[in-house]
Structures are given as structure tokens and as C-alpha cells.
Protein backbone atom coordinates (compact mmCIF):
# COMPACT_ATOMS: atom_id res chain seq x y z
CA MET A 1 -2.03 -15.95 13.13
CA LYS A 2 0.43 -13.06 13.47
CA LEU A 3 -2.21 -10.76 11.96
CA GLU A 4 -5.29 -11.73 14.09
CA GLY A 5 -7.29 -8.64 14.92
CA LYS A 6 -5.73 -6.59 12.03
CA VAL A 7 -7.63 -5.11 9.00
CA ALA A 8 -6.02 -5.23 5.55
CA LEU A 9 -6.90 -3.48 2.26
CA VAL A 10 -5.49 -4.95 -0.86
CA THR A 11 -6.18 -2.91 -4.15
CA GLY A 12 -6.38 -4.95 -7.44
CA GLY A 13 -7.21 -7.94 -5.31
CA ALA A 14 -9.70 -9.81 -7.31
CA ARG A 15 -7.16 -11.91 -9.25
CA GLY A 16 -3.42 -12.76 -9.81
CA LEU A 17 -0.92 -11.24 -7.48
CA GLY A 18 -3.39 -9.19 -5.71
CA ARG A 19 -5.47 -12.34 -4.86
CA ALA A 20 -2.25 -14.01 -3.60
CA TYR A 21 -1.64 -11.21 -1.22
CA VAL A 22 -5.37 -11.25 -0.08
CA LEU A 23 -5.12 -15.08 0.71
CA ARG A 24 -1.71 -14.82 2.33
CA LEU A 25 -3.03 -12.06 4.80
CA ALA A 26 -6.23 -14.04 5.55
CA LYS A 27 -4.14 -17.02 6.39
CA LEU A 28 -2.22 -14.97 8.74
CA GLY A 29 -5.44 -14.02 10.55
CA ALA A 30 -6.32 -10.77 9.07
CA ASP A 31 -9.67 -9.57 7.95
CA VAL A 32 -9.16 -8.49 4.34
CA VAL A 33 -10.90 -5.85 2.30
CA VAL A 34 -10.59 -6.69 -1.48
CA ASN A 35 -10.59 -3.86 -3.83
CA ASP A 36 -10.82 -4.01 -7.69
CA ILE A 37 -12.27 -2.13 -10.43
CA ASP A 38 -14.01 -5.44 -11.36
CA LEU A 39 -14.41 -8.00 -8.46
CA GLN A 40 -14.95 -10.73 -11.03
CA GLY A 41 -11.73 -10.03 -12.85
CA ALA A 42 -10.47 -13.55 -12.39
CA ARG A 43 -12.86 -14.68 -15.08
CA GLN A 44 -11.06 -12.56 -17.58
CA TYR A 45 -7.99 -14.72 -17.42
CA ASN A 46 -9.77 -18.04 -16.53
CA GLU A 47 -8.23 -17.99 -13.04
CA ALA A 48 -9.80 -20.72 -10.94
CA LEU A 49 -11.07 -19.53 -7.47
CA GLY A 50 -11.93 -21.65 -4.48
CA ALA A 51 -15.23 -19.72 -4.07
CA PRO A 52 -17.45 -17.47 -6.18
CA SER A 53 -15.24 -14.43 -5.39
CA VAL A 54 -11.97 -13.54 -3.69
CA PRO A 55 -13.83 -12.06 -0.57
CA ALA A 56 -15.82 -15.35 -0.42
CA GLU A 57 -12.61 -17.30 -0.40
CA VAL A 58 -11.42 -15.16 2.63
CA GLU A 59 -14.68 -15.82 4.33
CA ALA A 60 -14.18 -19.57 3.76
CA MET A 61 -11.00 -19.30 5.80
CA GLY A 62 -12.89 -18.05 8.73
CA ARG A 63 -11.98 -14.42 8.38
CA ARG A 64 -14.19 -11.39 7.69
CA SER A 65 -14.10 -9.84 4.26
CA LEU A 66 -15.48 -7.00 2.13
CA GLY A 67 -15.47 -6.47 -1.56
CA ILE A 68 -15.41 -2.94 -2.91
CA GLU A 69 -15.45 -1.99 -6.53
CA ALA A 70 -13.61 1.34 -6.95
CA ASP A 71 -11.31 3.04 -9.44
CA VAL A 72 -8.18 3.98 -7.50
CA THR A 73 -7.41 6.79 -9.74
CA ASP A 74 -10.60 8.62 -8.53
CA GLN A 75 -9.86 10.44 -5.32
CA ALA A 76 -13.38 10.57 -4.19
CA ALA A 77 -13.95 6.90 -4.86
CA VAL A 78 -10.68 6.04 -2.70
CA ASP A 79 -11.81 8.18 0.00
CA ARG A 80 -15.14 6.59 0.15
CA MET A 81 -13.54 3.22 0.03
CA VAL A 82 -11.41 3.92 3.10
CA GLN A 83 -14.20 5.41 4.99
CA GLN A 84 -16.27 2.24 4.25
CA VAL A 85 -13.43 0.10 5.71
CA LEU A 86 -13.38 2.25 8.84
CA ASP A 87 -17.23 2.11 9.05
CA THR A 88 -17.28 -1.64 8.77
CA PHE A 89 -14.21 -2.74 10.74
CA GLY A 90 -13.28 0.31 12.84
CA ARG A 91 -9.60 0.34 11.82
CA LEU A 92 -7.14 -0.02 9.05
CA ASP A 93 -3.85 -1.65 9.79
CA ILE A 94 -2.38 -2.82 6.43
CA LEU A 95 -2.56 -1.36 2.88
CA VAL A 96 -1.09 -3.23 -0.18
CA THR A 97 -1.31 -1.12 -3.25
CA ASN A 98 -1.34 -3.72 -5.88
CA ALA A 99 -3.68 -2.17 -8.52
CA GLY A 100 -1.95 -1.21 -11.65
CA GLY A 101 0.04 -2.91 -14.49
CA ASN A 102 1.38 -2.36 -17.99
CA LEU A 103 -1.99 -2.42 -19.66
CA ARG A 104 -2.66 -1.47 -23.17
CA SER A 105 0.77 -2.75 -23.93
CA HIS A 106 0.06 -2.84 -27.62
CA GLU A 107 0.22 0.98 -27.65
CA ASP A 108 3.55 2.91 -28.44
CA GLN A 109 5.84 2.41 -25.47
CA MET A 110 8.99 3.88 -26.64
CA ALA A 111 10.67 6.82 -24.61
CA SER A 112 10.85 9.19 -27.55
CA THR A 113 7.50 8.53 -29.08
CA ALA A 114 4.93 7.29 -26.48
CA THR A 115 1.67 9.27 -26.76
CA GLU A 116 0.71 11.69 -24.06
CA ALA A 117 -2.55 9.91 -23.64
CA HIS A 118 -0.99 6.50 -23.03
CA PHE A 119 1.66 7.89 -20.72
CA ARG A 120 -0.71 9.71 -18.61
CA TYR A 121 -3.00 6.67 -18.54
CA ILE A 122 -0.25 4.28 -17.22
CA MET A 123 1.01 6.96 -14.79
CA ASP A 124 -2.55 7.28 -13.41
CA ILE A 125 -3.21 3.58 -12.73
CA ASN A 126 0.24 2.96 -11.38
CA LEU A 127 1.38 5.97 -9.59
CA THR A 128 -1.63 8.26 -9.01
CA GLY A 129 -3.66 5.46 -7.82
CA THR A 130 -0.79 4.42 -5.35
CA ILE A 131 -0.52 7.90 -4.02
CA LEU A 132 -4.31 8.43 -3.59
CA CYS A 133 -4.67 5.18 -1.65
CA CYS A 134 -1.53 5.80 0.55
CA GLN A 135 -2.78 9.29 1.45
CA ALA A 136 -6.23 8.03 2.40
CA ALA A 137 -4.88 5.07 4.53
CA SER A 138 -2.33 7.37 6.10
CA ARG A 139 -4.94 9.28 7.99
CA PRO A 140 -6.25 6.47 10.17
CA MET A 141 -2.88 4.96 10.48
CA LYS A 142 -1.44 8.26 11.79
CA ALA A 143 -4.28 8.67 14.14
CA GLN A 144 -3.77 5.07 15.71
CA ARG A 145 0.12 5.50 15.46
CA SER A 146 0.59 2.25 13.71
CA GLY A 147 0.28 0.68 10.18
CA ARG A 148 2.10 -1.04 7.48
CA ILE A 149 1.90 -0.03 3.82
CA VAL A 150 3.42 -2.06 1.05
CA THR A 151 3.52 -0.46 -2.47
CA VAL A 152 3.88 -2.67 -5.58
CA ALA A 153 6.65 -1.55 -8.02
CA SER A 154 8.27 -3.76 -10.51
CA GLN A 155 11.70 -4.99 -11.39
CA ILE A 156 11.45 -2.90 -14.61
CA GLY A 157 11.26 0.24 -12.47
CA LEU A 158 14.70 -0.49 -11.03
CA TRP A 159 16.78 -0.59 -14.23
CA SER A 160 16.28 0.78 -17.78
CA GLY A 161 16.19 -2.65 -19.67
CA ARG A 162 18.89 -1.31 -21.77
CA ASP A 163 16.50 0.13 -24.42
CA GLY A 164 13.80 2.79 -24.68
CA GLY A 165 10.84 0.32 -24.66
CA GLY A 166 8.08 0.14 -21.97
CA MET A 167 8.99 3.74 -21.01
CA PRO A 168 5.64 4.65 -19.34
CA TYR A 169 5.53 1.57 -17.14
CA LYS A 170 9.18 1.77 -16.28
CA VAL A 171 8.88 5.53 -15.25
CA ALA A 172 5.61 4.98 -13.29
CA LYS A 173 7.12 2.10 -11.25
CA ALA A 174 10.29 3.96 -10.68
CA ALA A 175 8.14 6.82 -9.32
CA VAL A 176 6.31 4.38 -7.09
CA VAL A 177 9.65 3.34 -5.37
CA HIS A 178 10.66 6.86 -4.77
CA TYR A 179 7.26 7.86 -3.40
CA THR A 180 7.55 5.01 -1.07
CA ARG A 181 10.77 6.33 0.27
CA VAL A 182 9.42 9.85 0.73
CA LEU A 183 6.26 8.58 2.40
CA ALA A 184 8.34 6.25 4.77
CA ALA A 185 10.26 9.33 5.91
CA GLU A 186 7.11 11.04 6.79
CA LEU A 187 5.22 8.38 8.47
CA GLY A 188 8.05 6.84 10.45
CA PRO A 189 7.47 9.09 13.41
CA PHE A 190 3.89 7.84 13.53
CA GLY A 191 4.87 4.14 13.79
CA VAL A 192 4.00 3.42 10.18
CA ASN A 193 6.36 1.31 8.05
CA VAL A 194 6.29 1.87 4.32
CA ASN A 195 7.99 -0.41 1.99
CA SER A 196 7.72 -1.56 -1.60
CA ILE A 197 8.17 -4.98 -3.43
CA ALA A 198 9.29 -5.09 -7.02
CA PRO A 199 8.16 -8.35 -8.67
CA GLY A 200 10.09 -9.86 -11.45
CA LEU A 201 8.91 -12.34 -14.05
CA ILE A 202 5.95 -13.73 -12.23
CA LEU A 203 3.49 -16.48 -13.56
CA SER A 204 0.34 -14.43 -12.73
CA SER A 205 -2.90 -15.61 -14.38
CA ARG A 206 -2.50 -12.62 -16.91
CA ALA A 207 1.12 -13.46 -17.69
CA ILE A 208 0.13 -17.05 -18.27
CA ALA A 209 -2.79 -15.95 -20.52
CA GLU A 210 -0.25 -13.87 -22.58
CA GLY A 211 2.12 -16.73 -23.01
CA ARG A 212 4.70 -16.42 -20.40
CA ASN A 213 4.41 -20.05 -19.35
CA GLU A 214 4.72 -21.45 -22.80
CA PRO A 215 7.87 -23.56 -23.38
CA ALA A 216 9.48 -21.18 -25.82
CA ALA A 217 8.98 -18.28 -23.46
CA ARG A 218 10.33 -20.15 -20.46
CA GLN A 219 13.45 -21.27 -22.52
CA ALA A 220 14.08 -17.68 -23.30
CA LEU A 221 13.56 -16.18 -19.91
CA GLU A 222 14.66 -18.75 -17.33
CA PRO A 223 18.45 -18.60 -18.38
CA GLN A 224 18.33 -14.87 -17.48
CA ILE A 225 17.33 -15.63 -13.93
CA PRO A 226 19.93 -16.87 -11.40
CA LEU A 227 17.55 -19.17 -9.75
CA ARG A 228 16.56 -20.54 -13.11
CA ARG A 229 12.93 -20.39 -12.64
CA LEU A 230 9.93 -17.95 -13.17
CA GLY A 231 8.19 -16.80 -10.09
CA TRP A 232 4.76 -17.63 -8.74
CA PRO A 233 2.37 -15.11 -7.04
CA GLU A 234 3.05 -16.92 -3.83
CA ASP A 235 6.71 -15.97 -4.02
CA CYS A 236 5.66 -12.29 -3.75
CA ALA A 237 3.14 -13.02 -1.17
CA LYS A 238 5.75 -14.38 1.05
CA VAL A 239 7.60 -11.17 0.95
CA VAL A 240 4.44 -9.16 1.74
CA GLU A 241 4.14 -11.38 4.82
CA PHE A 242 7.63 -10.26 5.82
CA LEU A 243 6.74 -6.51 5.40
CA VAL A 244 3.44 -6.66 7.33
CA THR A 245 4.49 -8.62 10.36
CA ASP A 246 7.00 -8.20 13.23
CA LEU A 247 9.74 -9.75 11.08
CA SER A 248 10.34 -6.32 9.54
CA ASP A 249 9.62 -4.04 12.62
CA TYR A 250 12.84 -2.10 11.77
CA VAL A 251 12.46 -1.93 8.08
CA THR A 252 11.01 1.05 6.28
CA GLY A 253 11.56 3.06 3.09
CA GLN A 254 12.97 0.03 1.24
CA VAL A 255 12.19 -1.73 -2.03
CA LEU A 256 12.67 -5.45 -2.07
CA PRO A 257 12.97 -7.11 -5.67
CA VAL A 258 11.30 -10.50 -5.83
CA CYS A 259 12.78 -11.61 -9.11
CA GLY A 260 15.04 -14.67 -8.42
CA GLY A 261 18.12 -12.48 -8.96
CA TYR A 262 17.10 -11.06 -12.24
CA VAL A 263 17.66 -7.54 -10.85
CA ALA A 264 21.17 -7.37 -9.34
CA PHE A 265 22.74 -4.37 -7.62
């Protein structure tokens, strides 16, 4: 119960990786606010929940929870969300900016031809949303002179992939990594640790629905991973646990790939 008495906010927490982070933080004793643009998002990918919603799952674990539907690319909505957290719980100790993804991936992704509209959309949901949430959460954390922020990048933001494909998402996640470093430098004197995780090939509910767990996909992907397996959301949640507890008191401004060795430096 290392996080007992702490209040956490997880964006994009209604399914998949975000849900894994929510449940891990609640297991550690935190009260958890679940943000998503659709709090019933798990239904889209047939993800089985242990209660009618993720906030209800948290409450079933004996912790307090609050579900807030809000678009993280809307600054006014983000500011209202953080104020609602403060009004309800009186503090905010942990922020995990999970909202985002390579959505609308059927559109042109090439570096030389991706459309402006698609590039701006991907940058907004991944980078702009992250920045707006971090800025809003920074205010109470600076005032209380403590806090933990974990941004969510991706292994694809750490290397080129050796081709021009996926450019908007690669560039957006690379920007998340560097924003994390810059924010960590600013907030360190206030006692706020800011780090990032970069998930690799994870079997989230969306990835499974899109075929990543099929035998042919596994046979193609697993030999590229030194640990010879795809990851599960809980693999990432364990690293979030490290970054929001006293285990990482002297760690800030870092990005930790959670990829089974797929990204090697």
C-alpha cells in the first residue's frame, strides 16, 4: 500500500494499457480518477471488466474513484477536469498521461506525403493532450511541492523504424519524450519527478482486436524481441509502479522502454 493517501489521475484509462495503470495504482492504495473520452471504451474491443466500468473496478478494490469524460486536447476541458479532481479529493499526487495512440492508421502515414490534417490530429491526441494535462497537473503539484508525472511515449518514438512509415505517430511520441525531459528540468526544484515509459509490442485489447495475438503475427514479431514474447499491459503497469513510488525517488527526466529488448541502445 505504498500509495495509500495519494490521488492519481490516469488519462485514457477506460480500457487497455490505461486500465492496467489504473488498477495497479489502486492496488497500491491510491484513489484513482479515470479519464477517457468514452468511459465505456472497453466495449469497443470486447475487453472484459470486473465491474460495469473501470471506476467501479477501483471502488470494488476499496479505493475511491471518479470517472471523468473529457477530451484532453481541449484546454478548458482539461483545466475543468483537474479542478474537479482537486474539488473532490483535495489534492493530486500522480498523473499518467496515457491518452493517445496511432488512431486512423489507415490514413497516409509516410513522412513525405502524410496529410496536414492527419499529422495535426495525431500530434494533438498524443503531444498536445500530454502537454495540456501536464501543465494543469503541475500547478497543484508545484504548490504542494511534490508529485509524480509519467508520460506515455512509444518504442516507435525512439528510433526511425528504418522507413518513412508511421511518421506522424513516431514524431509525436518522440516529442513526448523530449517534452518529458524539459518538464522534468523545470519541476525538479519543486520536488516533482517527471519520467516517461515507451511501451513496445504490447497485447492491449485494441492490439488483440487488430490481430497482434494471431499465430502469424506472433511468429513474425516474437523473433525480433530478445525476450521472445509480446508484452502484456501489466508489464507496463509494473514500470509505472516503479516511477510513482519511492523506488524511483532519484529518477527524473528519463524514458524507460518497456519492450522486451526490442529497442536497444
